[in-house]
Amino acid sequence: MPKELDVIEMENHANEKDFVLKKVAQKGALLEFASEELKNDKEVVLEAIKNNPEALEFASDELKADKEVVYTSVSQVGWTYCYAKENLLADRELLMAGLKQTGQILYFATQKMRNDKEIVLEAVKTKGIIVKYASQELKNDLEVGKAAVLQDKNSYAFLGESVKQNEEIKKIMEN
């Protein structure tokens, strides 16, 4: 399959900041074909992410550790939290921004975050079954259990025994 014209142009001008800025503003994923230097240029990467939040994948490791860069992406699509470097995985604000988009990213959260009730409640609002990655303490929390099964009855399997025996939970499961 022949390369797209955009890709060929990017490869030929990969080191030219003005050219790359213009191209990623139109098609963020073209960041993949920019030079390593420009993948580490915050202005270029932010421009790419503004066009396509998934372009975070192609940013340098240094910029994947930059809260502003990662937040710009995660607050739009959530799942790009998986590209965040370890220094950001304990950042509550960043995680909450992503969870508002998709609860799935609880999977990438630290153990401490998986034991934070507000965080887990936010996660199960959009993806009930993600309760399986919550701390054992929160799997036994009635409020978390209710939120999870109301979103997805399949999450029942991952709840603590005391929550499974609760009358409110049983009623939800019967309906």
N, C-alpha and C. Protein backbone atom coordinates (compact mmCIF):
# COMPACT_ATOMS: atom_id res chain seq x y z
N MET A 1 0.85 -1.18 0.00
CA MET A 1 0.00 0.00 0.00
C MET A 1 0.90 1.24 0.00
N PRO A 2 0.71 2.14 -0.94
CA PRO A 2 1.55 3.34 -1.00
C PRO A 2 1.27 4.28 0.17
N LYS A 3 2.29 5.03 0.53
CA LYS A 3 2.16 6.00 1.62
C LYS A 3 1.30 7.18 1.18
N GLU A 4 0.58 7.73 2.15
CA GLU A 4 -0.22 8.92 1.87
C GLU A 4 0.72 10.10 1.62
N LEU A 5 0.25 11.04 0.83
CA LEU A 5 1.03 12.23 0.52
C LEU A 5 1.43 12.98 1.80
N ASP A 6 0.52 13.07 2.76
CA ASP A 6 0.82 13.75 4.03
C ASP A 6 2.00 13.12 4.74
N VAL A 7 2.06 11.80 4.73
CA VAL A 7 3.14 11.09 5.41
C VAL A 7 4.46 11.35 4.70
N ILE A 8 4.45 11.28 3.39
CA ILE A 8 5.67 11.53 2.61
C ILE A 8 6.17 12.95 2.87
N GLU A 9 5.26 13.92 2.86
CA GLU A 9 5.64 15.31 3.13
C GLU A 9 6.23 15.45 4.53
N MET A 10 5.60 14.82 5.51
CA MET A 10 6.12 14.90 6.88
C MET A 10 7.50 14.28 6.98
N GLU A 11 7.69 13.15 6.36
CA GLU A 11 9.01 12.50 6.41
C GLU A 11 10.07 13.40 5.76
N ASN A 12 9.70 14.09 4.70
CA ASN A 12 10.65 14.97 4.01
C ASN A 12 10.92 16.28 4.76
N HIS A 13 10.01 16.67 5.65
CA HIS A 13 10.15 17.94 6.38
C HIS A 13 10.09 17.72 7.89
N ALA A 14 10.48 16.55 8.34
CA ALA A 14 10.32 16.13 9.74
C ALA A 14 11.03 17.03 10.74
N ASN A 15 12.06 17.77 10.29
CA ASN A 15 12.83 18.63 11.20
C ASN A 15 12.43 20.10 11.12
N GLU A 16 11.47 20.42 10.26
CA GLU A 16 11.09 21.82 10.05
C GLU A 16 9.88 22.15 10.92
N LYS A 17 10.14 22.86 12.00
CA LYS A 17 9.10 23.12 13.00
C LYS A 17 7.86 23.80 12.42
N ASP A 18 8.03 24.83 11.64
CA ASP A 18 6.86 25.54 11.11
C ASP A 18 6.00 24.62 10.24
N PHE A 19 6.66 23.82 9.41
CA PHE A 19 5.94 22.88 8.56
C PHE A 19 5.19 21.85 9.41
N VAL A 20 5.89 21.27 10.37
CA VAL A 20 5.30 20.23 11.23
C VAL A 20 4.13 20.81 12.03
N LEU A 21 4.32 21.99 12.59
CA LEU A 21 3.23 22.64 13.33
C LEU A 21 1.97 22.77 12.49
N LYS A 22 2.15 23.23 11.27
CA LYS A 22 1.02 23.42 10.36
C LYS A 22 0.33 22.07 10.07
N LYS A 23 1.13 21.05 9.83
CA LYS A 23 0.56 19.74 9.47
C LYS A 23 -0.16 19.08 10.65
N VAL A 24 0.46 19.12 11.84
CA VAL A 24 -0.19 18.46 12.98
C VAL A 24 -1.43 19.22 13.45
N ALA A 25 -1.50 20.49 13.14
CA ALA A 25 -2.70 21.27 13.47
C ALA A 25 -3.87 20.79 12.62
N GLN A 26 -3.56 20.25 11.44
CA GLN A 26 -4.59 19.75 10.53
C GLN A 26 -4.88 18.27 10.75
N LYS A 27 -3.83 17.54 11.12
CA LYS A 27 -3.94 16.08 11.29
C LYS A 27 -2.93 15.66 12.37
N GLY A 28 -3.42 15.63 13.60
CA GLY A 28 -2.56 15.40 14.75
C GLY A 28 -1.74 14.12 14.70
N ALA A 29 -2.28 13.08 14.12
CA ALA A 29 -1.58 11.79 14.07
C ALA A 29 -0.29 11.85 13.25
N LEU A 30 -0.13 12.89 12.45
CA LEU A 30 1.11 13.03 11.68
C LEU A 30 2.32 13.29 12.58
N LEU A 31 2.07 13.55 13.85
CA LEU A 31 3.18 13.69 14.80
C LEU A 31 4.08 12.46 14.76
N GLU A 32 3.52 11.33 14.46
CA GLU A 32 4.30 10.09 14.37
C GLU A 32 5.49 10.23 13.43
N PHE A 33 5.37 11.06 12.42
CA PHE A 33 6.41 11.16 11.39
C PHE A 33 7.31 12.39 11.56
N ALA A 34 7.12 13.11 12.65
CA ALA A 34 7.99 14.24 12.95
C ALA A 34 9.31 13.73 13.51
N SER A 35 10.30 14.58 13.51
CA SER A 35 11.61 14.19 14.06
C SER A 35 11.48 13.97 15.57
N GLU A 36 12.43 13.24 16.12
CA GLU A 36 12.44 13.00 17.57
C GLU A 36 12.51 14.33 18.31
N GLU A 37 13.26 15.26 17.77
CA GLU A 37 13.38 16.58 18.39
C GLU A 37 12.02 17.27 18.49
N LEU A 38 11.24 17.20 17.42
CA LEU A 38 9.94 17.87 17.42
C LEU A 38 8.88 17.08 18.20
N LYS A 39 9.08 15.78 18.36
CA LYS A 39 8.20 15.00 19.22
C LYS A 39 8.43 15.36 20.69
N ASN A 40 9.53 16.06 20.92
CA ASN A 40 9.87 16.51 22.27
C ASN A 40 9.66 18.02 22.41
N ASP A 41 9.04 18.63 21.42
CA ASP A 41 8.75 20.07 21.44
C ASP A 41 7.32 20.24 21.94
N LYS A 42 7.17 20.85 23.09
CA LYS A 42 5.86 20.96 23.74
C LYS A 42 4.84 21.67 22.87
N GLU A 43 5.25 22.72 22.19
CA GLU A 43 4.32 23.46 21.33
C GLU A 43 3.78 22.57 20.21
N VAL A 44 4.66 21.82 19.59
CA VAL A 44 4.27 20.92 18.49
C VAL A 44 3.33 19.83 19.01
N VAL A 45 3.71 19.22 20.12
CA VAL A 45 2.91 18.11 20.65
C VAL A 45 1.53 18.60 21.11
N LEU A 46 1.48 19.73 21.77
CA LEU A 46 0.17 20.26 22.18
C LEU A 46 -0.72 20.57 20.98
N GLU A 47 -0.12 21.09 19.93
CA GLU A 47 -0.89 21.38 18.71
C GLU A 47 -1.46 20.09 18.12
N ALA A 48 -0.64 19.04 18.10
CA ALA A 48 -1.10 17.75 17.58
C ALA A 48 -2.23 17.19 18.44
N ILE A 49 -2.08 17.28 19.75
CA ILE A 49 -3.09 16.74 20.68
C ILE A 49 -4.39 17.53 20.60
N LYS A 50 -4.30 18.81 20.38
CA LYS A 50 -5.52 19.62 20.23
C LYS A 50 -6.33 19.14 19.03
N ASN A 51 -5.63 18.74 17.97
CA ASN A 51 -6.32 18.22 16.78
C ASN A 51 -6.79 16.79 17.00
N ASN A 52 -5.93 15.99 17.64
CA ASN A 52 -6.22 14.57 17.83
C ASN A 52 -5.59 14.14 19.16
N PRO A 53 -6.38 14.01 20.22
CA PRO A 53 -5.85 13.67 21.54
C PRO A 53 -5.04 12.37 21.56
N GLU A 54 -5.32 11.49 20.63
CA GLU A 54 -4.60 10.22 20.56
C GLU A 54 -3.16 10.39 20.10
N ALA A 55 -2.81 11.56 19.60
CA ALA A 55 -1.43 11.83 19.16
C ALA A 55 -0.45 11.77 20.33
N LEU A 56 -0.94 11.78 21.54
CA LEU A 56 -0.06 11.65 22.71
C LEU A 56 0.84 10.42 22.58
N GLU A 57 0.34 9.40 21.93
CA GLU A 57 1.12 8.18 21.72
C GLU A 57 2.48 8.47 21.11
N PHE A 58 2.57 9.48 20.26
CA PHE A 58 3.80 9.74 19.51
C PHE A 58 4.69 10.79 20.15
N ALA A 59 4.27 11.34 21.28
CA ALA A 59 5.08 12.33 21.99
C ALA A 59 6.28 11.64 22.62
N SER A 60 7.29 12.43 22.90
CA SER A 60 8.48 11.89 23.57
C SER A 60 8.12 11.43 24.98
N ASP A 61 8.95 10.57 25.53
CA ASP A 61 8.73 10.12 26.91
C ASP A 61 8.76 11.31 27.87
N GLU A 62 9.60 12.26 27.59
CA GLU A 62 9.69 13.45 28.44
C GLU A 62 8.35 14.19 28.50
N LEU A 63 7.70 14.32 27.35
CA LEU A 63 6.41 15.02 27.32
C LEU A 63 5.26 14.14 27.83
N LYS A 64 5.43 12.84 27.80
CA LYS A 64 4.44 11.95 28.40
C LYS A 64 4.52 12.01 29.92
N ALA A 65 5.54 12.68 30.42
CA ALA A 65 5.69 12.90 31.87
C ALA A 65 5.29 14.33 32.25
N ASP A 66 4.86 15.11 31.28
CA ASP A 66 4.47 16.51 31.49
C ASP A 66 2.96 16.56 31.73
N LYS A 67 2.56 17.04 32.90
CA LYS A 67 1.14 17.01 33.27
C LYS A 67 0.27 17.80 32.29
N GLU A 68 0.70 18.97 31.87
CA GLU A 68 -0.12 19.77 30.96
C GLU A 68 -0.39 19.03 29.65
N VAL A 69 0.64 18.42 29.11
CA VAL A 69 0.52 17.70 27.85
C VAL A 69 -0.44 16.51 28.01
N VAL A 70 -0.20 15.72 29.03
CA VAL A 70 -1.01 14.51 29.23
C VAL A 70 -2.46 14.91 29.57
N TYR A 71 -2.63 15.92 30.40
CA TYR A 71 -3.98 16.37 30.78
C TYR A 71 -4.76 16.83 29.54
N THR A 72 -4.10 17.53 28.63
CA THR A 72 -4.76 18.00 27.41
C THR A 72 -5.36 16.83 26.64
N SER A 73 -4.65 15.72 26.60
CA SER A 73 -5.14 14.53 25.90
C SER A 73 -6.17 13.77 26.72
N VAL A 74 -5.82 13.44 27.94
CA VAL A 74 -6.65 12.59 28.79
C VAL A 74 -8.01 13.23 29.08
N SER A 75 -8.05 14.52 29.23
CA SER A 75 -9.32 15.19 29.52
C SER A 75 -10.28 15.14 28.33
N GLN A 76 -9.76 14.79 27.17
CA GLN A 76 -10.61 14.69 25.98
C GLN A 76 -11.02 13.25 25.67
N VAL A 77 -10.10 12.31 25.84
CA VAL A 77 -10.43 10.92 25.48
C VAL A 77 -10.24 9.91 26.60
N GLY A 78 -9.60 10.27 27.67
CA GLY A 78 -9.47 9.38 28.81
C GLY A 78 -8.49 8.24 28.66
N TRP A 79 -8.71 7.36 27.71
CA TRP A 79 -7.90 6.15 27.61
C TRP A 79 -6.43 6.44 27.34
N THR A 80 -6.09 7.63 26.87
CA THR A 80 -4.68 7.93 26.63
C THR A 80 -3.89 8.05 27.93
N TYR A 81 -4.58 7.96 29.06
CA TYR A 81 -3.93 7.90 30.38
C TYR A 81 -2.89 6.78 30.39
N CYS A 82 -3.11 5.75 29.60
CA CYS A 82 -2.17 4.62 29.57
C CYS A 82 -0.79 5.04 29.07
N TYR A 83 -0.67 6.18 28.39
CA TYR A 83 0.62 6.66 27.91
C TYR A 83 1.35 7.51 28.95
N ALA A 84 0.65 7.89 30.00
CA ALA A 84 1.26 8.74 31.03
C ALA A 84 2.42 8.01 31.69
N LYS A 85 3.46 8.75 31.97
CA LYS A 85 4.62 8.17 32.64
C LYS A 85 4.33 8.00 34.12
N GLU A 86 5.13 7.17 34.75
CA GLU A 86 4.91 6.77 36.13
C GLU A 86 4.75 7.96 37.09
N ASN A 87 5.48 9.03 36.84
CA ASN A 87 5.38 10.19 37.74
C ASN A 87 3.99 10.80 37.78
N LEU A 88 3.17 10.53 36.76
CA LEU A 88 1.82 11.11 36.71
C LEU A 88 0.73 10.14 37.16
N LEU A 89 1.06 8.88 37.33
CA LEU A 89 0.03 7.90 37.65
C LEU A 89 -0.59 8.10 39.04
N ALA A 90 0.08 8.83 39.90
CA ALA A 90 -0.47 9.12 41.23
C ALA A 90 -1.12 10.50 41.28
N ASP A 91 -1.26 11.14 40.13
CA ASP A 91 -1.86 12.47 40.07
C ASP A 91 -3.38 12.33 40.03
N ARG A 92 -4.02 12.66 41.13
CA ARG A 92 -5.46 12.48 41.28
C ARG A 92 -6.26 13.31 40.27
N GLU A 93 -5.86 14.55 40.06
CA GLU A 93 -6.58 15.44 39.13
C GLU A 93 -6.55 14.87 37.71
N LEU A 94 -5.41 14.39 37.31
CA LEU A 94 -5.26 13.81 35.98
C LEU A 94 -6.13 12.56 35.83
N LEU A 95 -6.08 11.70 36.82
CA LEU A 95 -6.89 10.48 36.77
C LEU A 95 -8.38 10.81 36.72
N MET A 96 -8.82 11.73 37.55
CA MET A 96 -10.24 12.10 37.56
C MET A 96 -10.68 12.67 36.21
N ALA A 97 -9.82 13.45 35.58
CA ALA A 97 -10.15 14.01 34.26
C ALA A 97 -10.37 12.89 33.26
N GLY A 98 -9.53 11.89 33.30
CA GLY A 98 -9.67 10.75 32.40
C GLY A 98 -10.87 9.88 32.72
N LEU A 99 -11.14 9.70 34.01
CA LEU A 99 -12.27 8.86 34.42
C LEU A 99 -13.60 9.46 33.99
N LYS A 100 -13.66 10.75 33.87
CA LYS A 100 -14.90 11.39 33.39
C LYS A 100 -15.19 10.98 31.94
N GLN A 101 -14.16 10.55 31.24
CA GLN A 101 -14.31 10.08 29.86
C GLN A 101 -14.54 8.57 29.81
N THR A 102 -13.76 7.82 30.59
CA THR A 102 -13.89 6.37 30.60
C THR A 102 -13.35 5.78 31.90
N GLY A 103 -14.17 4.96 32.52
CA GLY A 103 -13.77 4.30 33.77
C GLY A 103 -12.71 3.25 33.56
N GLN A 104 -12.53 2.81 32.34
CA GLN A 104 -11.58 1.75 32.02
C GLN A 104 -10.18 2.04 32.54
N ILE A 105 -9.81 3.32 32.62
CA ILE A 105 -8.43 3.64 32.99
C ILE A 105 -8.11 3.38 34.45
N LEU A 106 -9.10 3.02 35.26
CA LEU A 106 -8.80 2.63 36.63
C LEU A 106 -7.76 1.50 36.63
N TYR A 107 -7.78 0.71 35.59
CA TYR A 107 -6.82 -0.39 35.43
C TYR A 107 -5.38 0.10 35.55
N PHE A 108 -5.08 1.30 35.09
CA PHE A 108 -3.72 1.83 35.10
C PHE A 108 -3.38 2.61 36.38
N ALA A 109 -4.37 2.80 37.23
CA ALA A 109 -4.17 3.61 38.43
C ALA A 109 -3.35 2.86 39.49
N THR A 110 -2.75 3.63 40.37
CA THR A 110 -1.97 3.05 41.46
C THR A 110 -2.91 2.38 42.46
N GLN A 111 -2.35 1.53 43.30
CA GLN A 111 -3.15 0.86 44.33
C GLN A 111 -3.82 1.88 45.24
N LYS A 112 -3.11 2.95 45.56
CA LYS A 112 -3.68 3.98 46.42
C LYS A 112 -4.94 4.58 45.77
N MET A 113 -4.86 4.84 44.46
CA MET A 113 -6.00 5.41 43.75
C MET A 113 -7.16 4.42 43.68
N ARG A 114 -6.85 3.14 43.60
CA ARG A 114 -7.89 2.12 43.53
C ARG A 114 -8.60 1.94 44.88
N ASN A 115 -8.06 2.58 45.91
CA ASN A 115 -8.67 2.54 47.23
C ASN A 115 -9.31 3.89 47.59
N ASP A 116 -9.43 4.77 46.62
CA ASP A 116 -10.03 6.09 46.83
C ASP A 116 -11.48 6.00 46.35
N LYS A 117 -12.41 6.13 47.27
CA LYS A 117 -13.83 5.92 46.95
C LYS A 117 -14.33 6.84 45.86
N GLU A 118 -13.97 8.12 45.92
CA GLU A 118 -14.43 9.07 44.90
C GLU A 118 -13.94 8.66 43.51
N ILE A 119 -12.71 8.22 43.43
CA ILE A 119 -12.13 7.79 42.16
C ILE A 119 -12.85 6.55 41.63
N VAL A 120 -13.04 5.57 42.50
CA VAL A 120 -13.69 4.33 42.06
C VAL A 120 -15.14 4.60 41.66
N LEU A 121 -15.84 5.45 42.40
CA LEU A 121 -17.22 5.79 42.02
C LEU A 121 -17.25 6.45 40.64
N GLU A 122 -16.31 7.33 40.37
CA GLU A 122 -16.26 7.96 39.05
C GLU A 122 -16.02 6.92 37.96
N ALA A 123 -15.14 5.97 38.25
CA ALA A 123 -14.81 4.92 37.27
C ALA A 123 -16.03 4.04 36.96
N VAL A 124 -16.73 3.60 38.00
CA VAL A 124 -17.84 2.67 37.76
C VAL A 124 -19.06 3.34 37.15
N LYS A 125 -19.12 4.66 37.18
CA LYS A 125 -20.24 5.38 36.53
C LYS A 125 -20.25 5.12 35.03
N THR A 126 -19.07 5.01 34.43
CA THR A 126 -19.00 4.81 32.99
C THR A 126 -18.64 3.37 32.59
N LYS A 127 -18.11 2.61 33.55
CA LYS A 127 -17.69 1.24 33.25
C LYS A 127 -17.80 0.42 34.53
N GLY A 128 -19.01 -0.06 34.82
CA GLY A 128 -19.28 -0.76 36.07
C GLY A 128 -18.35 -1.92 36.36
N ILE A 129 -18.04 -2.68 35.34
CA ILE A 129 -17.25 -3.89 35.54
C ILE A 129 -15.81 -3.59 35.97
N ILE A 130 -15.39 -2.35 35.82
CA ILE A 130 -14.04 -1.97 36.23
C ILE A 130 -13.88 -2.06 37.75
N VAL A 131 -14.98 -2.27 38.46
CA VAL A 131 -14.92 -2.45 39.91
C VAL A 131 -13.97 -3.61 40.26
N LYS A 132 -13.75 -4.49 39.33
CA LYS A 132 -12.84 -5.61 39.62
C LYS A 132 -11.43 -5.13 39.93
N TYR A 133 -11.07 -3.91 39.55
CA TYR A 133 -9.74 -3.36 39.84
C TYR A 133 -9.74 -2.44 41.06
N ALA A 134 -10.89 -2.30 41.71
CA ALA A 134 -10.96 -1.51 42.94
C ALA A 134 -10.31 -2.30 44.08
N SER A 135 -9.98 -1.61 45.14
CA SER A 135 -9.43 -2.30 46.31
C SER A 135 -10.49 -3.24 46.89
N GLN A 136 -10.05 -4.20 47.66
CA GLN A 136 -10.98 -5.13 48.29
C GLN A 136 -11.94 -4.38 49.20
N GLU A 137 -11.43 -3.37 49.87
CA GLU A 137 -12.27 -2.56 50.76
C GLU A 137 -13.44 -1.94 49.99
N LEU A 138 -13.17 -1.42 48.81
CA LEU A 138 -14.22 -0.76 48.03
C LEU A 138 -15.13 -1.75 47.31
N LYS A 139 -14.64 -2.94 47.06
CA LYS A 139 -15.53 -3.98 46.52
C LYS A 139 -16.58 -4.37 47.55
N ASN A 140 -16.29 -4.07 48.81
CA ASN A 140 -17.22 -4.35 49.91
C ASN A 140 -17.99 -3.12 50.34
N ASP A 141 -17.93 -2.06 49.56
CA ASP A 141 -18.63 -0.82 49.87
C ASP A 141 -19.97 -0.81 49.13
N LEU A 142 -21.05 -0.63 49.87
CA LEU A 142 -22.40 -0.70 49.27
C LEU A 142 -22.61 0.37 48.20
N GLU A 143 -22.18 1.60 48.45
CA GLU A 143 -22.37 2.67 47.47
C GLU A 143 -21.64 2.35 46.16
N VAL A 144 -20.42 1.86 46.27
CA VAL A 144 -19.66 1.47 45.08
C VAL A 144 -20.35 0.30 44.38
N GLY A 145 -20.78 -0.67 45.15
CA GLY A 145 -21.46 -1.84 44.57
C GLY A 145 -22.73 -1.47 43.82
N LYS A 146 -23.52 -0.59 44.42
CA LYS A 146 -24.75 -0.14 43.75
C LYS A 146 -24.44 0.58 42.45
N ALA A 147 -23.49 1.49 42.50
CA ALA A 147 -23.13 2.24 41.28
C ALA A 147 -22.65 1.29 40.19
N ALA A 148 -21.87 0.30 40.58
CA ALA A 148 -21.33 -0.65 39.60
C ALA A 148 -22.42 -1.49 38.95
N VAL A 149 -23.30 -2.09 39.75
CA VAL A 149 -24.33 -2.96 39.17
C VAL A 149 -25.40 -2.18 38.43
N LEU A 150 -25.63 -0.93 38.84
CA LEU A 150 -26.57 -0.11 38.08
C LEU A 150 -26.03 0.20 36.69
N GLN A 151 -24.72 0.31 36.57
CA GLN A 151 -24.11 0.59 35.27
C GLN A 151 -23.99 -0.70 34.45
N ASP A 152 -23.62 -1.80 35.12
CA ASP A 152 -23.41 -3.07 34.42
C ASP A 152 -23.61 -4.22 35.42
N LYS A 153 -24.67 -4.96 35.24
CA LYS A 153 -24.96 -6.07 36.17
C LYS A 153 -23.86 -7.12 36.21
N ASN A 154 -23.07 -7.21 35.18
CA ASN A 154 -21.96 -8.17 35.18
C ASN A 154 -20.92 -7.86 36.25
N SER A 155 -20.92 -6.63 36.75
CA SER A 155 -19.96 -6.25 37.78
C SER A 155 -20.24 -6.95 39.11
N TYR A 156 -21.44 -7.47 39.26
CA TYR A 156 -21.83 -8.20 40.48
C TYR A 156 -20.79 -9.27 40.84
N ALA A 157 -20.28 -9.93 39.86
CA ALA A 157 -19.32 -11.02 40.08
C ALA A 157 -18.07 -10.56 40.82
N PHE A 158 -17.76 -9.30 40.78
CA PHE A 158 -16.52 -8.79 41.37
C PHE A 158 -16.72 -8.09 42.71
N LEU A 159 -17.96 -8.06 43.18
CA LEU A 159 -18.25 -7.40 44.45
C LEU A 159 -17.93 -8.31 45.63
N GLY A 160 -17.71 -7.69 46.77
CA GLY A 160 -17.48 -8.45 48.00
C GLY A 160 -18.75 -9.18 48.42
N GLU A 161 -18.58 -10.24 49.19
CA GLU A 161 -19.71 -11.07 49.59
C GLU A 161 -20.77 -10.30 50.38
N SER A 162 -20.34 -9.40 51.26
CA SER A 162 -21.32 -8.66 52.06
C SER A 162 -22.20 -7.77 51.17
N VAL A 163 -21.63 -7.21 50.13
CA VAL A 163 -22.40 -6.37 49.21
C VAL A 163 -23.34 -7.23 48.37
N LYS A 164 -22.86 -8.38 47.95
CA LYS A 164 -23.70 -9.29 47.16
C LYS A 164 -24.95 -9.72 47.94
N GLN A 165 -24.84 -9.79 49.24
CA GLN A 165 -25.96 -10.24 50.08
C GLN A 165 -26.91 -9.10 50.45
N ASN A 166 -26.56 -7.88 50.13
CA ASN A 166 -27.39 -6.73 50.47
C ASN A 166 -28.70 -6.76 49.69
N GLU A 167 -29.80 -6.44 50.36
CA GLU A 167 -31.13 -6.48 49.74
C GLU A 167 -31.27 -5.51 48.55
N GLU A 168 -30.68 -4.31 48.67
CA GLU A 168 -30.75 -3.35 47.56
C GLU A 168 -30.06 -3.91 46.31
N ILE A 169 -28.93 -4.52 46.52
CA ILE A 169 -28.18 -5.10 45.40
C ILE A 169 -28.99 -6.25 44.78
N LYS A 170 -29.57 -7.08 45.63
CA LYS A 170 -30.37 -8.21 45.12
C LYS A 170 -31.54 -7.71 44.28
N LYS A 171 -32.18 -6.61 44.72
CA LYS A 171 -33.31 -6.05 43.95
C LYS A 171 -32.84 -5.54 42.60
N ILE A 172 -31.72 -4.88 42.59
CA ILE A 172 -31.18 -4.37 41.32
C ILE A 172 -30.92 -5.54 40.37
N MET A 173 -30.38 -6.60 40.90
CA MET A 173 -30.03 -7.76 40.07
C MET A 173 -31.28 -8.48 39.55
N GLU A 174 -32.37 -8.40 40.29
CA GLU A 174 -33.62 -9.04 39.87
C GLU A 174 -34.30 -8.28 38.74
N ASN A 175 -34.10 -7.00 38.67
CA ASN A 175 -34.77 -6.18 37.64
C ASN A 175 -34.04 -6.20 36.34
